[in-house]
Amino acid sequence: MAAPLSERIVKLIRRVPKGKVASYGHIAALAGDPRGARQVVRILHSLSDKEKLPWHRIINSRGKISLPRGSGYELQRALLEKEGIVFSLNSTIDLEKYLWWPRRKSKS
């Protein structure tokens, strides 16, 4: 039996490595629900501290931080920059360079 969606989302968020990002929709699609971006947001909001999730590595599909300035934006950006992620002049992250793609686990 497959793990519930929430468990799959948490496992995927944990796998995003330092120096890479994923979008809410990207995580949802990888977890099996291409329309579940809001579920990813809810999980990040409610479980990031409890589960010690690398919440700062999850951004929106346009390559931008969704948190408003003054409400977490600066912290998220600082954490990403500390991991080597470079922002463009318009505060966008190059998804071609930094988007995380999981490797499939071998069946051996």
PDB file of N, CA and C in Angstrom:
ATOM      1  N   MET A   1       0.843  -1.177   0.000  1.00  0.00           N
ATOM      2  CA  MET A   1       0.000   0.000   0.000  1.00  0.00           C
ATOM      3  C   MET A   1       0.893   1.248   0.000  1.00  0.00           C
ATOM      4  N   ALA A   2       0.573   2.187  -0.837  1.00  0.00           N
ATOM      5  CA  ALA A   2       1.370   3.419  -0.959  1.00  0.00           C
ATOM      6  C   ALA A   2       1.200   4.282   0.286  1.00  0.00           C
ATOM      7  N   ALA A   3       2.267   5.003   0.610  1.00  0.00           N
ATOM      8  CA  ALA A   3       2.219   5.922   1.747  1.00  0.00           C
ATOM      9  C   ALA A   3       1.239   7.050   1.440  1.00  0.00           C
ATOM     10  N   PRO A   4       0.586   7.576   2.461  1.00  0.00           N
ATOM     11  CA  PRO A   4      -0.313   8.708   2.226  1.00  0.00           C
ATOM     12  C   PRO A   4       0.454   9.886   1.608  1.00  0.00           C
ATOM     13  N   LEU A   5      -0.279  10.710   0.912  1.00  0.00           N
ATOM     14  CA  LEU A   5       0.314  11.848   0.212  1.00  0.00           C
ATOM     15  C   LEU A   5       1.178  12.701   1.135  1.00  0.00           C
ATOM     16  N   SER A   6       0.695  12.995   2.314  1.00  0.00           N
ATOM     17  CA  SER A   6       1.457  13.846   3.237  1.00  0.00           C
ATOM     18  C   SER A   6       2.818  13.238   3.561  1.00  0.00           C
ATOM     19  N   GLU A   7       2.865  11.944   3.785  1.00  0.00           N
ATOM     20  CA  GLU A   7       4.136  11.275   4.073  1.00  0.00           C
ATOM     21  C   GLU A   7       5.078  11.350   2.880  1.00  0.00           C
ATOM     22  N   ARG A   8       4.548  11.162   1.685  1.00  0.00           N
ATOM     23  CA  ARG A   8       5.393  11.234   0.478  1.00  0.00           C
ATOM     24  C   ARG A   8       5.942  12.647   0.302  1.00  0.00           C
ATOM     25  N   ILE A   9       5.118  13.642   0.570  1.00  0.00           N
ATOM     26  CA  ILE A   9       5.562  15.037   0.451  1.00  0.00           C
ATOM     27  C   ILE A   9       6.687  15.316   1.442  1.00  0.00           C
ATOM     28  N   VAL A  10       6.519  14.919   2.690  1.00  0.00           N
ATOM     29  CA  VAL A  10       7.543  15.147   3.710  1.00  0.00           C
ATOM     30  C   VAL A  10       8.851  14.470   3.303  1.00  0.00           C
ATOM     31  N   LYS A  11       8.774  13.231   2.837  1.00  0.00           N
ATOM     32  CA  LYS A  11       9.986  12.506   2.421  1.00  0.00           C
ATOM     33  C   LYS A  11      10.684  13.218   1.269  1.00  0.00           C
ATOM     34  N   LEU A  12       9.920  13.724   0.323  1.00  0.00           N
ATOM     35  CA  LEU A  12      10.520  14.432  -0.814  1.00  0.00           C
ATOM     36  C   LEU A  12      11.175  15.741  -0.372  1.00  0.00           C
ATOM     37  N   ILE A  13      10.509  16.494   0.476  1.00  0.00           N
ATOM     38  CA  ILE A  13      11.087  17.758   0.955  1.00  0.00           C
ATOM     39  C   ILE A  13      12.414  17.477   1.648  1.00  0.00           C
ATOM     40  N   ARG A  14      12.453  16.418   2.441  1.00  0.00           N
ATOM     41  CA  ARG A  14      13.697  16.057   3.143  1.00  0.00           C
ATOM     42  C   ARG A  14      14.836  15.739   2.181  1.00  0.00           C
ATOM     43  N   ARG A  15      14.502  15.259   0.998  1.00  0.00           N
ATOM     44  CA  ARG A  15      15.525  14.843   0.027  1.00  0.00           C
ATOM     45  C   ARG A  15      16.114  15.989  -0.781  1.00  0.00           C
ATOM     46  N   VAL A  16      15.488  17.165  -0.759  1.00  0.00           N
ATOM     47  CA  VAL A  16      16.029  18.285  -1.531  1.00  0.00           C
ATOM     48  C   VAL A  16      17.375  18.667  -0.913  1.00  0.00           C
ATOM     49  N   PRO A  17      18.471  18.522  -1.664  1.00  0.00           N
ATOM     50  CA  PRO A  17      19.804  18.747  -1.083  1.00  0.00           C
ATOM     51  C   PRO A  17      20.177  20.222  -0.988  1.00  0.00           C
ATOM     52  N   LYS A  18      21.199  20.482  -0.199  1.00  0.00           N
ATOM     53  CA  LYS A  18      21.740  21.837  -0.105  1.00  0.00           C
ATOM     54  C   LYS A  18      22.126  22.314  -1.494  1.00  0.00           C
ATOM     55  N   GLY A  19      21.857  23.582  -1.765  1.00  0.00           N
ATOM     56  CA  GLY A  19      22.223  24.156  -3.053  1.00  0.00           C
ATOM     57  C   GLY A  19      21.235  23.881  -4.168  1.00  0.00           C
ATOM     58  N   LYS A  20      20.102  23.264  -3.843  1.00  0.00           N
ATOM     59  CA  LYS A  20      19.049  23.000  -4.824  1.00  0.00           C
ATOM     60  C   LYS A  20      17.720  23.480  -4.264  1.00  0.00           C
ATOM     61  N   VAL A  21      16.751  23.681  -5.139  1.00  0.00           N
ATOM     62  CA  VAL A  21      15.405  24.079  -4.739  1.00  0.00           C
ATOM     63  C   VAL A  21      14.393  23.218  -5.478  1.00  0.00           C
ATOM     64  N   ALA A  22      13.164  23.253  -4.995  1.00  0.00           N
ATOM     65  CA  ALA A  22      12.038  22.613  -5.667  1.00  0.00           C
ATOM     66  C   ALA A  22      10.839  23.531  -5.480  1.00  0.00           C
ATOM     67  N   SER A  23       9.904  23.466  -6.405  1.00  0.00           N
ATOM     68  CA  SER A  23       8.704  24.283  -6.243  1.00  0.00           C
ATOM     69  C   SER A  23       7.626  23.465  -5.534  1.00  0.00           C
ATOM     70  N   TYR A  24       6.645  24.169  -5.011  1.00  0.00           N
ATOM     71  CA  TYR A  24       5.528  23.505  -4.335  1.00  0.00           C
ATOM     72  C   TYR A  24       4.875  22.497  -5.286  1.00  0.00           C
ATOM     73  N   GLY A  25       4.619  22.934  -6.504  1.00  0.00           N
ATOM     74  CA  GLY A  25       3.983  22.060  -7.485  1.00  0.00           C
ATOM     75  C   GLY A  25       4.861  20.901  -7.910  1.00  0.00           C
ATOM     76  N   HIS A  26       6.157  21.135  -7.991  1.00  0.00           N
ATOM     77  CA  HIS A  26       7.122  20.095  -8.346  1.00  0.00           C
ATOM     78  C   HIS A  26       7.092  18.978  -7.303  1.00  0.00           C
ATOM     79  N   ILE A  27       7.127  19.357  -6.028  1.00  0.00           N
ATOM     80  CA  ILE A  27       7.064  18.372  -4.941  1.00  0.00           C
ATOM     81  C   ILE A  27       5.737  17.617  -4.992  1.00  0.00           C
ATOM     82  N   ALA A  28       4.641  18.341  -5.185  1.00  0.00           N
ATOM     83  CA  ALA A  28       3.324  17.701  -5.239  1.00  0.00           C
ATOM     84  C   ALA A  28       3.257  16.692  -6.387  1.00  0.00           C
ATOM     85  N   ALA A  29       3.744  17.082  -7.558  1.00  0.00           N
ATOM     86  CA  ALA A  29       3.714  16.179  -8.713  1.00  0.00           C
ATOM     87  C   ALA A  29       4.571  14.940  -8.462  1.00  0.00           C
ATOM     88  N   LEU A  30       5.760  15.137  -7.903  1.00  0.00           N
ATOM     89  CA  LEU A  30       6.623  13.992  -7.600  1.00  0.00           C
ATOM     90  C   LEU A  30       5.981  13.061  -6.574  1.00  0.00           C
ATOM     91  N   ALA A  31       5.157  13.634  -5.685  1.00  0.00           N
ATOM     92  CA  ALA A  31       4.472  12.840  -4.659  1.00  0.00           C
ATOM     93  C   ALA A  31       3.224  12.151  -5.204  1.00  0.00           C
ATOM     94  N   GLY A  32       2.851  12.476  -6.445  1.00  0.00           N
ATOM     95  CA  GLY A  32       1.709  11.814  -7.063  1.00  0.00           C
ATOM     96  C   GLY A  32       0.451  12.642  -7.181  1.00  0.00           C
ATOM     97  N   ASP A  33       0.518  13.915  -6.853  1.00  0.00           N
ATOM     98  CA  ASP A  33      -0.648  14.797  -6.972  1.00  0.00           C
ATOM     99  C   ASP A  33      -0.249  16.090  -7.664  1.00  0.00           C
ATOM    100  N   PRO A  34      -0.291  16.112  -9.010  1.00  0.00           N
ATOM    101  CA  PRO A  34       0.150  17.293  -9.746  1.00  0.00           C
ATOM    102  C   PRO A  34      -0.617  18.573  -9.414  1.00  0.00           C
ATOM    103  N   ARG A  35      -1.759  18.451  -8.760  1.00  0.00           N
ATOM    104  CA  ARG A  35      -2.545  19.632  -8.394  1.00  0.00           C
ATOM    105  C   ARG A  35      -2.469  19.916  -6.890  1.00  0.00           C
ATOM    106  N   GLY A  36      -1.478  19.338  -6.221  1.00  0.00           N
ATOM    107  CA  GLY A  36      -1.413  19.420  -4.764  1.00  0.00           C
ATOM    108  C   GLY A  36      -0.449  20.431  -4.199  1.00  0.00           C
ATOM    109  N   ALA A  37      -0.139  21.488  -4.934  1.00  0.00           N
ATOM    110  CA  ALA A  37       0.810  22.489  -4.437  1.00  0.00           C
ATOM    111  C   ALA A  37       0.359  23.091  -3.106  1.00  0.00           C
ATOM    112  N   ARG A  38      -0.932  23.324  -2.951  1.00  0.00           N
ATOM    113  CA  ARG A  38      -1.425  23.915  -1.689  1.00  0.00           C
ATOM    114  C   ARG A  38      -1.233  22.956  -0.516  1.00  0.00           C
ATOM    115  N   GLN A  39      -1.308  21.662  -0.793  1.00  0.00           N
ATOM    116  CA  GLN A  39      -1.059  20.675   0.261  1.00  0.00           C
ATOM    117  C   GLN A  39       0.400  20.769   0.725  1.00  0.00           C
ATOM    118  N   VAL A  40       1.312  20.990  -0.213  1.00  0.00           N
ATOM    119  CA  VAL A  40       2.722  21.160   0.136  1.00  0.00           C
ATOM    120  C   VAL A  40       2.887  22.395   1.029  1.00  0.00           C
ATOM    121  N   VAL A  41       2.220  23.471   0.682  1.00  0.00           N
ATOM    122  CA  VAL A  41       2.276  24.698   1.491  1.00  0.00           C
ATOM    123  C   VAL A  41       1.765  24.410   2.906  1.00  0.00           C
ATOM    124  N   ARG A  42       0.647  23.702   3.010  1.00  0.00           N
ATOM    125  CA  ARG A  42       0.075  23.391   4.327  1.00  0.00           C
ATOM    126  C   ARG A  42       1.050  22.549   5.160  1.00  0.00           C
ATOM    127  N   ILE A  43       1.665  21.571   4.528  1.00  0.00           N
ATOM    128  CA  ILE A  43       2.617  20.714   5.245  1.00  0.00           C
ATOM    129  C   ILE A  43       3.816  21.527   5.712  1.00  0.00           C
ATOM    130  N   LEU A  44       4.337  22.372   4.840  1.00  0.00           N
ATOM    131  CA  LEU A  44       5.471  23.208   5.236  1.00  0.00           C
ATOM    132  C   LEU A  44       5.095  24.113   6.404  1.00  0.00           C
ATOM    133  N   HIS A  45       3.914  24.681   6.342  1.00  0.00           N
ATOM    134  CA  HIS A  45       3.467  25.597   7.395  1.00  0.00           C
ATOM    135  C   HIS A  45       3.300  24.872   8.734  1.00  0.00           C
ATOM    136  N   SER A  46       2.744  23.672   8.692  1.00  0.00           N
ATOM    137  CA  SER A  46       2.420  22.992   9.946  1.00  0.00           C
ATOM    138  C   SER A  46       3.510  22.064  10.470  1.00  0.00           C
ATOM    139  N   LEU A  47       4.387  21.562   9.591  1.00  0.00           N
ATOM    140  CA  LEU A  47       5.343  20.542  10.030  1.00  0.00           C
ATOM    141  C   LEU A  47       6.818  20.910   9.918  1.00  0.00           C
ATOM    142  N   SER A  48       7.151  22.061   9.364  1.00  0.00           N
ATOM    143  CA  SER A  48       8.562  22.396   9.141  1.00  0.00           C
ATOM    144  C   SER A  48       9.389  22.323  10.418  1.00  0.00           C
ATOM    145  N   ASP A  49       8.907  22.930  11.490  1.00  0.00           N
ATOM    146  CA  ASP A  49       9.665  22.912  12.743  1.00  0.00           C
ATOM    147  C   ASP A  49       9.659  21.522  13.360  1.00  0.00           C
ATOM    148  N   LYS A  50       8.499  20.931  13.471  1.00  0.00           N
ATOM    149  CA  LYS A  50       8.357  19.617  14.118  1.00  0.00           C
ATOM    150  C   LYS A  50       9.197  18.553  13.408  1.00  0.00           C
ATOM    151  N   GLU A  51       9.161  18.551  12.081  1.00  0.00           N
ATOM    152  CA  GLU A  51       9.862  17.539  11.292  1.00  0.00           C
ATOM    153  C   GLU A  51      11.262  17.991  10.865  1.00  0.00           C
ATOM    154  N   LYS A  52      11.647  19.207  11.237  1.00  0.00           N
ATOM    155  CA  LYS A  52      12.940  19.784  10.851  1.00  0.00           C
ATOM    156  C   LYS A  52      13.161  19.703   9.330  1.00  0.00           C
ATOM    157  N   LEU A  53      12.162  20.181   8.603  1.00  0.00           N
ATOM    158  CA  LEU A  53      12.207  20.148   7.139  1.00  0.00           C
ATOM    159  C   LEU A  53      13.028  21.319   6.600  1.00  0.00           C
ATOM    160  N   PRO A  54      13.740  21.111   5.493  1.00  0.00           N
ATOM    161  CA  PRO A  54      14.467  22.217   4.857  1.00  0.00           C
ATOM    162  C   PRO A  54      13.498  23.097   4.061  1.00  0.00           C
ATOM    163  N   TRP A  55      12.607  23.738   4.787  1.00  0.00           N
ATOM    164  CA  TRP A  55      11.515  24.529   4.208  1.00  0.00           C
ATOM    165  C   TRP A  55      12.022  25.604   3.258  1.00  0.00           C
ATOM    166  N   HIS A  56      13.189  26.132   3.523  1.00  0.00           N
ATOM    167  CA  HIS A  56      13.719  27.248   2.741  1.00  0.00           C
ATOM    168  C   HIS A  56      14.047  26.850   1.306  1.00  0.00           C
ATOM    169  N   ARG A  57      14.144  25.571   1.029  1.00  0.00           N
ATOM    170  CA  ARG A  57      14.473  25.101  -0.327  1.00  0.00           C
ATOM    171  C   ARG A  57      13.248  24.964  -1.223  1.00  0.00           C
ATOM    172  N   ILE A  58      12.077  25.256  -0.704  1.00  0.00           N
ATOM    173  CA  ILE A  58      10.853  25.145  -1.491  1.00  0.00           C
ATOM    174  C   ILE A  58      10.390  26.562  -1.851  1.00  0.00           C
ATOM    175  N   ILE A  59      10.256  26.792  -3.156  1.00  0.00           N
ATOM    176  CA  ILE A  59       9.917  28.120  -3.689  1.00  0.00           C
ATOM    177  C   ILE A  59       8.748  27.978  -4.658  1.00  0.00           C
ATOM    178  N   ASN A  60       8.352  29.073  -5.279  1.00  0.00           N
ATOM    179  CA  ASN A  60       7.242  28.958  -6.230  1.00  0.00           C
ATOM    180  C   ASN A  60       7.741  28.586  -7.631  1.00  0.00           C
ATOM    181  N   SER A  61       6.810  28.300  -8.502  1.00  0.00           N
ATOM    182  CA  SER A  61       7.152  27.793  -9.838  1.00  0.00           C
ATOM    183  C   SER A  61       7.795  28.841 -10.742  1.00  0.00           C
ATOM    184  N   ARG A  62       7.769  30.100 -10.333  1.00  0.00           N
ATOM    185  CA  ARG A  62       8.419  31.156 -11.107  1.00  0.00           C
ATOM    186  C   ARG A  62       9.862  31.374 -10.652  1.00  0.00           C
ATOM    187  N   GLY A  63      10.313  30.550  -9.692  1.00  0.00           N
ATOM    188  CA  GLY A  63      11.676  30.672  -9.201  1.00  0.00           C
ATOM    189  C   GLY A  63      11.843  31.770  -8.163  1.00  0.00           C
ATOM    190  N   LYS A  64      10.744  32.103  -7.489  1.00  0.00           N
ATOM    191  CA  LYS A  64      10.790  33.184  -6.494  1.00  0.00           C
ATOM    192  C   LYS A  64      10.349  32.675  -5.122  1.00  0.00           C
ATOM    193  N   ILE A  65      10.790  33.387  -4.124  1.00  0.00           N
ATOM    194  CA  ILE A  65      10.352  33.129  -2.758  1.00  0.00           C
ATOM    195  C   ILE A  65       8.937  33.678  -2.611  1.00  0.00           C
ATOM    196  N   SER A  66       8.049  32.862  -2.055  1.00  0.00           N
ATOM    197  CA  SER A  66       6.652  33.291  -1.910  1.00  0.00           C
ATOM    198  C   SER A  66       6.387  34.082  -0.643  1.00  0.00           C
ATOM    199  N   LEU A  67       7.222  33.921   0.354  1.00  0.00           N
ATOM    200  CA  LEU A  67       7.008  34.654   1.606  1.00  0.00           C
ATOM    201  C   LEU A  67       7.168  36.148   1.367  1.00  0.00           C
ATOM    202  N   PRO A  68       6.329  36.961   2.019  1.00  0.00           N
ATOM    203  CA  PRO A  68       6.444  38.401   1.846  1.00  0.00           C
ATOM    204  C   PRO A  68       7.678  38.961   2.567  1.00  0.00           C
ATOM    205  N   ARG A  69       8.180  40.045   2.035  1.00  0.00           N
ATOM    206  CA  ARG A  69       9.289  40.736   2.698  1.00  0.00           C
ATOM    207  C   ARG A  69       8.816  41.168   4.087  1.00  0.00           C
ATOM    208  N   GLY A  70       9.679  40.964   5.063  1.00  0.00           N
ATOM    209  CA  GLY A  70       9.328  41.280   6.436  1.00  0.00           C
ATOM    210  C   GLY A  70       8.624  40.144   7.157  1.00  0.00           C
ATOM    211  N   SER A  71       8.288  39.075   6.446  1.00  0.00           N
ATOM    212  CA  SER A  71       7.592  37.920   7.051  1.00  0.00           C
ATOM    213  C   SER A  71       8.254  36.604   6.653  1.00  0.00           C
ATOM    214  N   GLY A  72       9.561  36.592   6.624  1.00  0.00           N
ATOM    215  CA  GLY A  72      10.277  35.357   6.324  1.00  0.00           C
ATOM    216  C   GLY A  72      11.079  35.373   5.045  1.00  0.00           C
ATOM    217  N   TYR A  73      10.776  36.314   4.154  1.00  0.00           N
ATOM    218  CA  TYR A  73      11.486  36.394   2.871  1.00  0.00           C
ATOM    219  C   TYR A  73      13.000  36.512   3.082  1.00  0.00           C
ATOM    220  N   GLU A  74      13.395  37.435   3.928  1.00  0.00           N
ATOM    221  CA  GLU A  74      14.826  37.706   4.122  1.00  0.00           C
ATOM    222  C   GLU A  74      15.560  36.493   4.688  1.00  0.00           C
ATOM    223  N   LEU A  75      14.937  35.799   5.635  1.00  0.00           N
ATOM    224  CA  LEU A  75      15.553  34.599   6.207  1.00  0.00           C
ATOM    225  C   LEU A  75      15.695  33.507   5.147  1.00  0.00           C
ATOM    226  N   GLN A  76      14.634  33.273   4.375  1.00  0.00           N
ATOM    227  CA  GLN A  76      14.687  32.235   3.344  1.00  0.00           C
ATOM    228  C   GLN A  76      15.772  32.556   2.320  1.00  0.00           C
ATOM    229  N   ARG A  77      15.825  33.792   1.891  1.00  0.00           N
ATOM    230  CA  ARG A  77      16.841  34.177   0.908  1.00  0.00           C
ATOM    231  C   ARG A  77      18.247  34.003   1.479  1.00  0.00           C
ATOM    232  N   ALA A  78      18.447  34.423   2.717  1.00  0.00           N
ATOM    233  CA  ALA A  78      19.768  34.288   3.347  1.00  0.00           C
ATOM    234  C   ALA A  78      20.180  32.814   3.452  1.00  0.00           C
ATOM    235  N   LEU A  79      19.241  31.957   3.822  1.00  0.00           N
ATOM    236  CA  LEU A  79      19.547  30.528   3.931  1.00  0.00           C
ATOM    237  C   LEU A  79      19.908  29.938   2.566  1.00  0.00           C
ATOM    238  N   LEU A  80      19.181  30.329   1.536  1.00  0.00           N
ATOM    239  CA  LEU A  80      19.480  29.827   0.186  1.00  0.00           C
ATOM    240  C   LEU A  80      20.828  30.346  -0.307  1.00  0.00           C
ATOM    241  N   GLU A  81      21.089  31.622  -0.080  1.00  0.00           N
ATOM    242  CA  GLU A  81      22.374  32.189  -0.506  1.00  0.00           C
ATOM    243  C   GLU A  81      23.539  31.528   0.228  1.00  0.00           C
ATOM    244  N   LYS A  82      23.336  31.205   1.489  1.00  0.00           N
ATOM    245  CA  LYS A  82      24.370  30.518   2.276  1.00  0.00           C
ATOM    246  C   LYS A  82      24.707  29.152   1.662  1.00  0.00           C
ATOM    247  N   GLU A  83      23.726  28.542   0.996  1.00  0.00           N
ATOM    248  CA  GLU A  83      23.926  27.248   0.346  1.00  0.00           C
ATOM    249  C   GLU A  83      24.454  27.395  -1.080  1.00  0.00           C
ATOM    250  N   GLY A  84      24.717  28.635  -1.503  1.00  0.00           N
ATOM    251  CA  GLY A  84      25.309  28.857  -2.815  1.00  0.00           C
ATOM    252  C   GLY A  84      24.340  29.194  -3.931  1.00  0.00           C
ATOM    253  N   ILE A  85      23.088  29.385  -3.610  1.00  0.00           N
ATOM    254  CA  ILE A  85      22.099  29.732  -4.627  1.00  0.00           C
ATOM    255  C   ILE A  85      22.215  31.223  -4.932  1.00  0.00           C
ATOM    256  N   VAL A  86      22.283  31.526  -6.220  1.00  0.00           N
ATOM    257  CA  VAL A  86      22.438  32.907  -6.677  1.00  0.00           C
ATOM    258  C   VAL A  86      21.092  33.404  -7.203  1.00  0.00           C
ATOM    259  N   PHE A  87      20.727  34.606  -6.803  1.00  0.00           N
ATOM    260  CA  PHE A  87      19.500  35.239  -7.260  1.00  0.00           C
ATOM    261  C   PHE A  87      19.832  36.219  -8.373  1.00  0.00           C
ATOM    262  N   SER A  88      18.929  36.333  -9.340  1.00  0.00           N
ATOM    263  CA  SER A  88      19.094  37.324 -10.406  1.00  0.00           C
ATOM    264  C   SER A  88      18.763  38.708  -9.851  1.00  0.00           C
ATOM    265  N   LEU A  89      18.932  39.725 -10.688  1.00  0.00           N
ATOM    266  CA  LEU A  89      18.624  41.090 -10.264  1.00  0.00           C
ATOM    267  C   LEU A  89      17.157  41.274  -9.889  1.00  0.00           C
ATOM    268  N   ASN A  90      16.268  40.458 -10.475  1.00  0.00           N
ATOM    269  CA  ASN A  90      14.843  40.559 -10.129  1.00  0.00           C
ATOM    270  C   ASN A  90      14.435  39.531  -9.066  1.00  0.00           C
ATOM    271  N   SER A  91      15.428  39.066  -8.287  1.00  0.00           N
ATOM    272  CA  SER A  91      15.201  38.149  -7.157  1.00  0.00           C
ATOM    273  C   SER A  91      14.649  36.790  -7.562  1.00  0.00           C
ATOM    274  N   THR A  92      15.019  36.325  -8.745  1.00  0.00           N
ATOM    275  CA  THR A  92      14.586  35.028  -9.239  1.00  0.00           C
ATOM    276  C   THR A  92      15.745  34.036  -9.182  1.00  0.00           C
ATOM    277  N   ILE A  93      15.403  32.780  -8.942  1.00  0.00           N
ATOM    278  CA  ILE A  93      16.380  31.689  -8.947  1.00  0.00           C
ATOM    279  C   ILE A  93      16.283  30.985 -10.289  1.00  0.00           C
ATOM    280  N   ASP A  94      17.413  30.718 -10.906  1.00  0.00           N
ATOM    281  CA  ASP A  94      17.464  30.018 -12.195  1.00  0.00           C
ATOM    282  C   ASP A  94      17.114  28.551 -11.972  1.00  0.00           C
ATOM    283  N   LEU A  95      15.887  28.171 -12.345  1.00  0.00           N
ATOM    284  CA  LEU A  95      15.436  26.806 -12.123  1.00  0.00           C
ATOM    285  C   LEU A  95      16.164  25.800 -13.008  1.00  0.00           C
ATOM    286  N   GLU A  96      16.647  26.221 -14.154  1.00  0.00           N
ATOM    287  CA  GLU A  96      17.417  25.292 -14.990  1.00  0.00           C
ATOM    288  C   GLU A  96      18.703  24.876 -14.289  1.00  0.00           C
ATOM    289  N   LYS A  97      19.230  25.756 -13.497  1.00  0.00           N
ATOM    290  CA  LYS A  97      20.482  25.477 -12.781  1.00  0.00           C
ATOM    291  C   LYS A  97      20.251  24.842 -11.410  1.00  0.00           C
ATOM    292  N   TYR A  98      19.243  25.312 -10.684  1.00  0.00           N
ATOM    293  CA  TYR A  98      19.102  24.935  -9.276  1.00  0.00           C
ATOM    294  C   TYR A  98      17.938  23.987  -8.960  1.00  0.00           C
ATOM    295  N   LEU A  99      17.069  23.694  -9.930  1.00  0.00           N
ATOM    296  CA  LEU A  99      15.932  22.818  -9.637  1.00  0.00           C
ATOM    297  C   LEU A  99      16.407  21.393  -9.376  1.00  0.00           C
ATOM    298  N   TRP A 100      15.939  20.825  -8.284  1.00  0.00           N
ATOM    299  CA  TRP A 100      16.302  19.468  -7.884  1.00  0.00           C
ATOM    300  C   TRP A 100      15.443  18.442  -8.601  1.00  0.00           C
ATOM    301  N   TRP A 101      16.097  17.430  -9.120  1.00  0.00           N
ATOM    302  CA  TRP A 101      15.422  16.272  -9.700  1.00  0.00           C
ATOM    303  C   TRP A 101      15.921  15.044  -8.967  1.00  0.00           C
ATOM    304  N   PRO A 102      15.026  14.297  -8.321  1.00  0.00           N
ATOM    305  CA  PRO A 102      15.474  13.115  -7.599  1.00  0.00           C
ATOM    306  C   PRO A 102      15.928  12.020  -8.558  1.00  0.00           C
ATOM    307  N   ARG A 103      16.918  11.282  -8.107  1.00  0.00           N
ATOM    308  CA  ARG A 103      17.340  10.099  -8.863  1.00  0.00           C
ATOM    309  C   ARG A 103      16.462   8.951  -8.434  1.00  0.00           C
ATOM    310  N   ARG A 104      16.149   8.130  -9.410  1.00  0.00           N
ATOM    311  CA  ARG A 104      15.345   6.945  -9.072  1.00  0.00           C
ATOM    312  C   ARG A 104      16.221   5.969  -8.294  1.00  0.00           C
ATOM    313  N   LYS A 105      15.608   5.353  -7.315  1.00  0.00           N
ATOM    314  CA  LYS A 105      16.335   4.354  -6.534  1.00  0.00           C
ATOM    315  C   LYS A 105      16.468   3.075  -7.366  1.00  0.00           C
ATOM    316  N   SER A 106      17.672   2.503  -7.362  1.00  0.00           N
ATOM    317  CA  SER A 106      17.871   1.282  -8.117  1.00  0.00           C
ATOM    318  C   SER A 106      17.178   0.132  -7.385  1.00  0.00           C
ATOM    319  N   LYS A 107      16.781  -0.851  -8.151  1.00  0.00           N
ATOM    320  CA  LYS A 107      16.031  -1.977  -7.570  1.00  0.00           C
ATOM    321  C   LYS A 107      16.957  -3.142  -7.221  1.00  0.00           C
ATOM    322  N   SER A 108      18.242  -2.898  -7.163  1.00  0.00           N
ATOM    323  CA  SER A 108      19.170  -3.990  -6.855  1.00  0.00           C
ATOM    324  C   SER A 108      19.300  -4.230  -5.374  1.00  0.00           C
TER     325      SER A 108
END
